[in-house]
Protein backbone atom coordinates (compact mmCIF):
# COMPACT_ATOMS: atom_id res chain seq x y z
CA UNK A 1 0.00 0.00 0.00
CA UNK A 2 1.15 3.51 -0.82
CA UNK A 3 -0.12 6.88 0.30
CA UNK A 4 -1.19 9.35 -2.34
CA UNK A 5 -2.23 12.92 -2.93
CA UNK A 6 -4.73 13.62 -5.71
CA UNK A 7 -5.69 16.91 -7.32
CA UNK A 8 -9.27 18.15 -7.57
CA UNK A 9 -9.73 16.13 -10.78
CA UNK A 10 -8.58 12.92 -9.10
CA UNK A 11 -5.15 12.76 -10.77
CA UNK A 12 -2.24 11.44 -8.76
CA UNK A 13 0.17 14.20 -7.74
CA UNK A 14 2.33 12.52 -5.13
CA UNK A 15 2.97 8.93 -4.03
CA UNK A 16 4.88 7.94 -0.90
CA UNK A 17 5.56 4.72 1.02
CA UNK A 18 4.84 6.46 4.33
CA UNK A 19 1.87 8.61 5.35
CA UNK A 20 2.43 12.33 4.77
CA UNK A 21 0.66 15.57 5.53
CA UNK A 22 -1.98 16.35 2.92
CA UNK A 23 -2.35 12.81 1.61
CA UNK A 24 -5.83 12.08 0.37
CA UNK A 25 -5.96 8.26 0.31
CA UNK A 26 -4.09 4.99 0.00
CA UNK A 27 -3.61 2.90 -3.10
CA UNK A 28 -2.64 -0.73 -3.66
CA UNK A 29 0.92 -1.21 -4.89
CA UNK A 30 -0.42 -3.54 -7.59
CA UNK A 31 -2.83 -0.89 -8.86
CA UNK A 32 -2.76 -0.32 -12.64
CA UNK A 33 -3.24 3.38 -11.91
CA UNK A 34 -0.07 3.43 -9.83
CA UNK A 35 1.84 1.50 -12.46
CA UNK A 36 0.70 3.96 -15.16
CA UNK A 37 1.66 6.92 -12.96
CA UNK A 38 5.12 5.50 -12.27
CA UNK A 39 5.65 4.71 -15.95
CA UNK A 40 4.60 8.22 -16.97
CA UNK A 41 6.85 9.70 -14.28
CA UNK A 42 9.86 7.79 -15.58
CA UNK A 43 9.08 8.86 -19.15
CA UNK A 44 8.95 12.50 -18.07
CA UNK A 45 12.27 12.11 -16.23
CA UNK A 46 13.84 10.52 -19.29
CA UNK A 47 12.66 13.29 -21.58
CA UNK A 48 13.81 15.99 -19.16
CA UNK A 49 17.23 14.36 -19.00
CA UNK A 50 17.36 14.32 -22.79
CA UNK A 51 16.46 18.01 -22.91
CA UNK A 52 19.13 18.86 -20.34
CA UNK A 53 21.75 16.99 -22.35
CA UNK A 54 20.74 18.75 -25.57
CA UNK A 55 20.79 22.09 -23.72
CA UNK A 56 24.44 21.50 -22.86
CA UNK A 57 25.22 20.68 -26.47
CA UNK A 58 23.27 23.69 -27.69
CA UNK A 59 25.26 26.02 -25.44
CA UNK A 60 28.41 25.15 -27.36
CA UNK A 61 26.61 25.63 -30.67
CA UNK A 62 25.47 29.08 -29.59
CA UNK A 63 28.99 29.99 -28.50
CA UNK A 64 30.25 28.99 -31.93
CA UNK A 65 27.47 30.98 -33.65
CA UNK A 66 28.30 34.10 -31.63
CA UNK A 67 31.98 33.66 -32.43
CA UNK A 68 31.24 33.26 -36.15
CA UNK A 69 28.96 36.31 -36.21
CA UNK A 70 31.67 38.38 -34.55
CA UNK A 71 34.36 37.07 -36.94
CA UNK A 72 32.16 37.87 -39.97
CA UNK A 73 31.48 41.35 -38.63
CA UNK A 74 27.74 40.78 -38.42
CA UNK A 75 27.78 41.80 -34.76
CA UNK A 76 30.36 43.33 -32.49
CA UNK A 77 31.31 41.49 -29.33
CA UNK A 78 30.57 44.66 -27.39
CA UNK A 79 26.98 44.58 -28.72
CA UNK A 80 26.35 41.64 -26.43
CA UNK A 81 25.08 42.38 -22.93
CA UNK A 82 27.81 42.49 -20.29
CA UNK A 83 26.55 39.35 -18.46
CA UNK A 84 26.64 37.40 -21.73
CA UNK A 85 30.19 38.58 -22.49
CA UNK A 86 31.34 37.59 -18.99
CA UNK A 87 29.87 34.11 -19.39
CA UNK A 88 31.36 33.64 -22.84
CA UNK A 89 34.74 34.89 -21.63
CA UNK A 90 34.72 32.59 -18.61
CA UNK A 91 33.79 29.59 -20.75
CA UNK A 92 36.55 30.42 -23.24
CA UNK A 93 39.11 30.66 -20.43
CA UNK A 94 37.93 27.38 -18.91
CA UNK A 95 38.09 25.62 -22.29
CA UNK A 96 41.62 26.95 -22.85
CA UNK A 97 42.66 25.72 -19.41
CA UNK A 98 41.18 22.28 -20.08
CA UNK A 99 42.89 22.15 -23.45
CA UNK A 100 46.20 22.96 -21.78
CA UNK A 101 45.64 20.21 -19.22
CA UNK A 102 44.45 17.70 -21.79
CA UNK A 103 48.01 17.52 -23.15
CA UNK A 104 48.79 15.58 -19.97
CA UNK A 105 46.18 12.98 -20.91
CA UNK A 106 46.26 10.37 -23.65
CA UNK A 107 45.19 11.18 -27.22
CA UNK A 108 41.73 9.67 -26.67
CA UNK A 109 41.04 12.30 -24.02
CA UNK A 110 41.43 15.32 -26.36
CA UNK A 111 37.74 15.16 -27.24
CA UNK A 112 36.72 16.60 -23.84
CA UNK A 113 35.63 19.98 -25.18
C-alpha atoms as a PDB file:
ATOM      1  CA  UNK A   1       0.000   0.000   0.000  1.00  0.00           C
ATOM      2  CA  UNK A   2       1.146   3.510  -0.820  1.00  0.00           C
ATOM      3  CA  UNK A   3      -0.116   6.884   0.301  1.00  0.00           C
ATOM      4  CA  UNK A   4      -1.195   9.350  -2.339  1.00  0.00           C
ATOM      5  CA  UNK A   5      -2.234  12.917  -2.933  1.00  0.00           C
ATOM      6  CA  UNK A   6      -4.726  13.622  -5.709  1.00  0.00           C
ATOM      7  CA  UNK A   7      -5.695  16.911  -7.316  1.00  0.00           C
ATOM      8  CA  UNK A   8      -9.266  18.154  -7.567  1.00  0.00           C
ATOM      9  CA  UNK A   9      -9.732  16.131 -10.776  1.00  0.00           C
ATOM     10  CA  UNK A  10      -8.584  12.918  -9.100  1.00  0.00           C
ATOM     11  CA  UNK A  11      -5.151  12.760 -10.774  1.00  0.00           C
ATOM     12  CA  UNK A  12      -2.238  11.443  -8.765  1.00  0.00           C
ATOM     13  CA  UNK A  13       0.167  14.195  -7.740  1.00  0.00           C
ATOM     14  CA  UNK A  14       2.327  12.516  -5.131  1.00  0.00           C
ATOM     15  CA  UNK A  15       2.974   8.935  -4.033  1.00  0.00           C
ATOM     16  CA  UNK A  16       4.882   7.940  -0.904  1.00  0.00           C
ATOM     17  CA  UNK A  17       5.559   4.715   1.015  1.00  0.00           C
ATOM     18  CA  UNK A  18       4.838   6.464   4.326  1.00  0.00           C
ATOM     19  CA  UNK A  19       1.866   8.612   5.347  1.00  0.00           C
ATOM     20  CA  UNK A  20       2.425  12.326   4.770  1.00  0.00           C
ATOM     21  CA  UNK A  21       0.658  15.573   5.527  1.00  0.00           C
ATOM     22  CA  UNK A  22      -1.980  16.353   2.920  1.00  0.00           C
ATOM     23  CA  UNK A  23      -2.348  12.811   1.606  1.00  0.00           C
ATOM     24  CA  UNK A  24      -5.827  12.081   0.367  1.00  0.00           C
ATOM     25  CA  UNK A  25      -5.956   8.263   0.314  1.00  0.00           C
ATOM     26  CA  UNK A  26      -4.092   4.991   0.003  1.00  0.00           C
ATOM     27  CA  UNK A  27      -3.610   2.902  -3.105  1.00  0.00           C
ATOM     28  CA  UNK A  28      -2.637  -0.726  -3.663  1.00  0.00           C
ATOM     29  CA  UNK A  29       0.918  -1.211  -4.888  1.00  0.00           C
ATOM     30  CA  UNK A  30      -0.423  -3.541  -7.587  1.00  0.00           C
ATOM     31  CA  UNK A  31      -2.828  -0.887  -8.859  1.00  0.00           C
ATOM     32  CA  UNK A  32      -2.757  -0.325 -12.642  1.00  0.00           C
ATOM     33  CA  UNK A  33      -3.243   3.383 -11.907  1.00  0.00           C
ATOM     34  CA  UNK A  34      -0.072   3.431  -9.825  1.00  0.00           C
ATOM     35  CA  UNK A  35       1.837   1.496 -12.464  1.00  0.00           C
ATOM     36  CA  UNK A  36       0.702   3.961 -15.157  1.00  0.00           C
ATOM     37  CA  UNK A  37       1.658   6.919 -12.957  1.00  0.00           C
ATOM     38  CA  UNK A  38       5.117   5.498 -12.267  1.00  0.00           C
ATOM     39  CA  UNK A  39       5.649   4.711 -15.952  1.00  0.00           C
ATOM     40  CA  UNK A  40       4.601   8.225 -16.969  1.00  0.00           C
ATOM     41  CA  UNK A  41       6.846   9.704 -14.283  1.00  0.00           C
ATOM     42  CA  UNK A  42       9.864   7.785 -15.580  1.00  0.00           C
ATOM     43  CA  UNK A  43       9.079   8.856 -19.145  1.00  0.00           C
ATOM     44  CA  UNK A  44       8.953  12.495 -18.068  1.00  0.00           C
ATOM     45  CA  UNK A  45      12.273  12.111 -16.226  1.00  0.00           C
ATOM     46  CA  UNK A  46      13.838  10.517 -19.289  1.00  0.00           C
ATOM     47  CA  UNK A  47      12.657  13.290 -21.582  1.00  0.00           C
ATOM     48  CA  UNK A  48      13.813  15.986 -19.164  1.00  0.00           C
ATOM     49  CA  UNK A  49      17.235  14.360 -19.004  1.00  0.00           C
ATOM     50  CA  UNK A  50      17.364  14.325 -22.786  1.00  0.00           C
ATOM     51  CA  UNK A  51      16.462  18.013 -22.911  1.00  0.00           C
ATOM     52  CA  UNK A  52      19.126  18.863 -20.341  1.00  0.00           C
ATOM     53  CA  UNK A  53      21.754  16.994 -22.354  1.00  0.00           C
ATOM     54  CA  UNK A  54      20.743  18.751 -25.570  1.00  0.00           C
ATOM     55  CA  UNK A  55      20.792  22.092 -23.723  1.00  0.00           C
ATOM     56  CA  UNK A  56      24.437  21.501 -22.857  1.00  0.00           C
ATOM     57  CA  UNK A  57      25.222  20.680 -26.474  1.00  0.00           C
ATOM     58  CA  UNK A  58      23.275  23.686 -27.692  1.00  0.00           C
ATOM     59  CA  UNK A  59      25.260  26.016 -25.436  1.00  0.00           C
ATOM     60  CA  UNK A  60      28.409  25.146 -27.356  1.00  0.00           C
ATOM     61  CA  UNK A  61      26.607  25.626 -30.674  1.00  0.00           C
ATOM     62  CA  UNK A  62      25.468  29.083 -29.587  1.00  0.00           C
ATOM     63  CA  UNK A  63      28.988  29.992 -28.496  1.00  0.00           C
ATOM     64  CA  UNK A  64      30.249  28.989 -31.934  1.00  0.00           C
ATOM     65  CA  UNK A  65      27.474  30.985 -33.653  1.00  0.00           C
ATOM     66  CA  UNK A  66      28.302  34.095 -31.633  1.00  0.00           C
ATOM     67  CA  UNK A  67      31.981  33.662 -32.433  1.00  0.00           C
ATOM     68  CA  UNK A  68      31.239  33.260 -36.149  1.00  0.00           C
ATOM     69  CA  UNK A  69      28.960  36.308 -36.211  1.00  0.00           C
ATOM     70  CA  UNK A  70      31.675  38.383 -34.545  1.00  0.00           C
ATOM     71  CA  UNK A  71      34.357  37.068 -36.943  1.00  0.00           C
ATOM     72  CA  UNK A  72      32.161  37.868 -39.967  1.00  0.00           C
ATOM     73  CA  UNK A  73      31.480  41.347 -38.631  1.00  0.00           C
ATOM     74  CA  UNK A  74      27.735  40.779 -38.417  1.00  0.00           C
ATOM     75  CA  UNK A  75      27.779  41.801 -34.762  1.00  0.00           C
ATOM     76  CA  UNK A  76      30.362  43.327 -32.488  1.00  0.00           C
ATOM     77  CA  UNK A  77      31.306  41.485 -29.335  1.00  0.00           C
ATOM     78  CA  UNK A  78      30.569  44.662 -27.394  1.00  0.00           C
ATOM     79  CA  UNK A  79      26.975  44.576 -28.722  1.00  0.00           C
ATOM     80  CA  UNK A  80      26.348  41.640 -26.427  1.00  0.00           C
ATOM     81  CA  UNK A  81      25.076  42.376 -22.926  1.00  0.00           C
ATOM     82  CA  UNK A  82      27.805  42.491 -20.292  1.00  0.00           C
ATOM     83  CA  UNK A  83      26.550  39.346 -18.461  1.00  0.00           C
ATOM     84  CA  UNK A  84      26.645  37.400 -21.734  1.00  0.00           C
ATOM     85  CA  UNK A  85      30.187  38.583 -22.487  1.00  0.00           C
ATOM     86  CA  UNK A  86      31.343  37.588 -18.986  1.00  0.00           C
ATOM     87  CA  UNK A  87      29.870  34.107 -19.390  1.00  0.00           C
ATOM     88  CA  UNK A  88      31.364  33.642 -22.845  1.00  0.00           C
ATOM     89  CA  UNK A  89      34.742  34.887 -21.634  1.00  0.00           C
ATOM     90  CA  UNK A  90      34.724  32.588 -18.611  1.00  0.00           C
ATOM     91  CA  UNK A  91      33.789  29.588 -20.750  1.00  0.00           C
ATOM     92  CA  UNK A  92      36.547  30.420 -23.243  1.00  0.00           C
ATOM     93  CA  UNK A  93      39.111  30.664 -20.429  1.00  0.00           C
ATOM     94  CA  UNK A  94      37.927  27.380 -18.914  1.00  0.00           C
ATOM     95  CA  UNK A  95      38.092  25.619 -22.294  1.00  0.00           C
ATOM     96  CA  UNK A  96      41.615  26.954 -22.849  1.00  0.00           C
ATOM     97  CA  UNK A  97      42.661  25.723 -19.407  1.00  0.00           C
ATOM     98  CA  UNK A  98      41.176  22.285 -20.082  1.00  0.00           C
ATOM     99  CA  UNK A  99      42.890  22.147 -23.448  1.00  0.00           C
ATOM    100  CA  UNK A 100      46.198  22.956 -21.776  1.00  0.00           C
ATOM    101  CA  UNK A 101      45.639  20.212 -19.216  1.00  0.00           C
ATOM    102  CA  UNK A 102      44.454  17.696 -21.785  1.00  0.00           C
ATOM    103  CA  UNK A 103      48.011  17.520 -23.146  1.00  0.00           C
ATOM    104  CA  UNK A 104      48.790  15.579 -19.974  1.00  0.00           C
ATOM    105  CA  UNK A 105      46.185  12.976 -20.913  1.00  0.00           C
ATOM    106  CA  UNK A 106      46.259  10.372 -23.650  1.00  0.00           C
ATOM    107  CA  UNK A 107      45.190  11.182 -27.219  1.00  0.00           C
ATOM    108  CA  UNK A 108      41.733   9.670 -26.668  1.00  0.00           C
ATOM    109  CA  UNK A 109      41.037  12.298 -24.016  1.00  0.00           C
ATOM    110  CA  UNK A 110      41.429  15.318 -26.358  1.00  0.00           C
ATOM    111  CA  UNK A 111      37.741  15.161 -27.237  1.00  0.00           C
ATOM    112  CA  UNK A 112      36.715  16.599 -23.838  1.00  0.00           C
ATOM    113  CA  UNK A 113      35.626  19.981 -25.183  1.00  0.00           C
END
